[in-house]
Amino acid sequence: MSSLYNWLAPIWGTIALQPFAYLWCIVSDINYISSLGPFTVLSTIYLMPCYALYWKIIGDKNERNTGI
């Protein structure tokens, strides 16, 4: 996988999960900006090298095994 994917996948995942995170804040009566907002940004940054490592170690093997 390309290195661009390693950076875009966590960002896309973050965007896709925001409606659920916001709903969780409403149900739990938590302020989104002060609690989950910073956590979301830090989690996204953390996941970028995780994706890169995954595709470097595991992802290439899976692609070879499936013939893709």
C-alpha atoms as a PDB file:
ATOM      1  CA  MET A   1       0.000   0.000   0.000  1.00  0.00           C
ATOM      2  CA  SER A   2       1.147   3.503  -0.642  1.00  0.00           C
ATOM      3  CA  SER A   3       2.357   5.805   2.066  1.00  0.00           C
ATOM      4  CA  LEU A   4      -0.451   8.210   1.133  1.00  0.00           C
ATOM      5  CA  TYR A   5      -2.941   5.557   2.238  1.00  0.00           C
ATOM      6  CA  ASN A   6      -1.156   5.305   5.599  1.00  0.00           C
ATOM      7  CA  TRP A   7      -1.937   8.965   6.222  1.00  0.00           C
ATOM      8  CA  LEU A   8      -5.418   9.133   4.715  1.00  0.00           C
ATOM      9  CA  ALA A   9      -6.921   5.984   6.263  1.00  0.00           C
ATOM     10  CA  PRO A  10      -6.848   7.249   9.880  1.00  0.00           C
ATOM     11  CA  ILE A  11      -8.169  10.647   8.806  1.00  0.00           C
ATOM     12  CA  TRP A  12     -11.046   9.047   6.902  1.00  0.00           C
ATOM     13  CA  GLY A  13     -11.757   6.771   9.868  1.00  0.00           C
ATOM     14  CA  THR A  14     -11.830   9.757  12.193  1.00  0.00           C
ATOM     15  CA  ILE A  15     -14.279  11.616   9.985  1.00  0.00           C
ATOM     16  CA  ALA A  16     -16.498   8.551   9.639  1.00  0.00           C
ATOM     17  CA  LEU A  17     -16.649   7.991  13.418  1.00  0.00           C
ATOM     18  CA  GLN A  18     -17.449  11.568  14.433  1.00  0.00           C
ATOM     19  CA  PRO A  19     -21.250  11.231  14.262  1.00  0.00           C
ATOM     20  CA  PHE A  20     -21.040   8.300  16.706  1.00  0.00           C
ATOM     21  CA  ALA A  21     -18.630  10.168  18.991  1.00  0.00           C
ATOM     22  CA  TYR A  22     -20.875  13.211  18.993  1.00  0.00           C
ATOM     23  CA  LEU A  23     -23.927  11.069  19.732  1.00  0.00           C
ATOM     24  CA  TRP A  24     -22.014   9.439  22.609  1.00  0.00           C
ATOM     25  CA  CYS A  25     -21.311  12.897  24.029  1.00  0.00           C
ATOM     26  CA  ILE A  26     -24.980  13.861  23.811  1.00  0.00           C
ATOM     27  CA  VAL A  27     -26.138  10.644  25.505  1.00  0.00           C
ATOM     28  CA  SER A  28     -23.426  10.827  28.182  1.00  0.00           C
ATOM     29  CA  ASP A  29     -23.781  14.583  28.699  1.00  0.00           C
ATOM     30  CA  ILE A  30     -20.091  15.137  27.909  1.00  0.00           C
ATOM     31  CA  ASN A  31     -18.703  18.265  26.293  1.00  0.00           C
ATOM     32  CA  TYR A  32     -17.330  17.107  22.930  1.00  0.00           C
ATOM     33  CA  ILE A  33     -14.755  19.874  22.432  1.00  0.00           C
ATOM     34  CA  SER A  34     -13.192  19.631  25.885  1.00  0.00           C
ATOM     35  CA  SER A  35     -13.104  15.839  26.177  1.00  0.00           C
ATOM     36  CA  LEU A  36     -13.371  13.859  22.944  1.00  0.00           C
ATOM     37  CA  GLY A  37     -12.121  16.514  20.532  1.00  0.00           C
ATOM     38  CA  PRO A  38      -8.463  16.436  21.659  1.00  0.00           C
ATOM     39  CA  PHE A  39      -8.588  12.652  22.080  1.00  0.00           C
ATOM     40  CA  THR A  40      -9.824  12.285  18.501  1.00  0.00           C
ATOM     41  CA  VAL A  41      -6.982  14.378  17.093  1.00  0.00           C
ATOM     42  CA  LEU A  42      -4.332  12.534  19.126  1.00  0.00           C
ATOM     43  CA  SER A  43      -5.805   9.147  18.194  1.00  0.00           C
ATOM     44  CA  THR A  44      -5.716  10.021  14.508  1.00  0.00           C
ATOM     45  CA  ILE A  45      -2.065  11.047  14.714  1.00  0.00           C
ATOM     46  CA  TYR A  46      -1.273   7.869  16.665  1.00  0.00           C
ATOM     47  CA  LEU A  47      -2.957   5.641  14.082  1.00  0.00           C
ATOM     48  CA  MET A  48      -0.934   6.958  11.130  1.00  0.00           C
ATOM     49  CA  PRO A  49       2.288   5.061  11.987  1.00  0.00           C
ATOM     50  CA  CYS A  50       0.178   2.078  13.078  1.00  0.00           C
ATOM     51  CA  TYR A  51      -1.300   1.812   9.584  1.00  0.00           C
ATOM     52  CA  ALA A  52       2.153   2.179   8.036  1.00  0.00           C
ATOM     53  CA  LEU A  53       3.531  -0.606  10.217  1.00  0.00           C
ATOM     54  CA  TYR A  54       0.552  -2.851   9.512  1.00  0.00           C
ATOM     55  CA  TRP A  55       0.894  -2.505   5.746  1.00  0.00           C
ATOM     56  CA  LYS A  56       4.645  -2.983   5.955  1.00  0.00           C
ATOM     57  CA  ILE A  57       4.481  -6.195   8.005  1.00  0.00           C
ATOM     58  CA  ILE A  58       1.067  -7.789   7.495  1.00  0.00           C
ATOM     59  CA  GLY A  59      -0.604  -6.058   4.581  1.00  0.00           C
ATOM     60  CA  ASP A  60       1.912  -7.069   1.923  1.00  0.00           C
ATOM     61  CA  LYS A  61       1.713 -10.709   2.979  1.00  0.00           C
ATOM     62  CA  ASN A  62      -2.066 -10.696   2.704  1.00  0.00           C
ATOM     63  CA  GLU A  63      -1.919  -9.205  -0.783  1.00  0.00           C
ATOM     64  CA  ARG A  64       0.518 -11.879  -1.936  1.00  0.00           C
ATOM     65  CA  ASN A  65      -1.589 -14.689  -0.484  1.00  0.00           C
ATOM     66  CA  THR A  66      -4.802 -13.537  -2.143  1.00  0.00           C
ATOM     67  CA  GLY A  67      -3.209 -12.880  -5.511  1.00  0.00           C
ATOM     68  CA  ILE A  68      -4.129  -9.197  -5.561  1.00  0.00           C
END
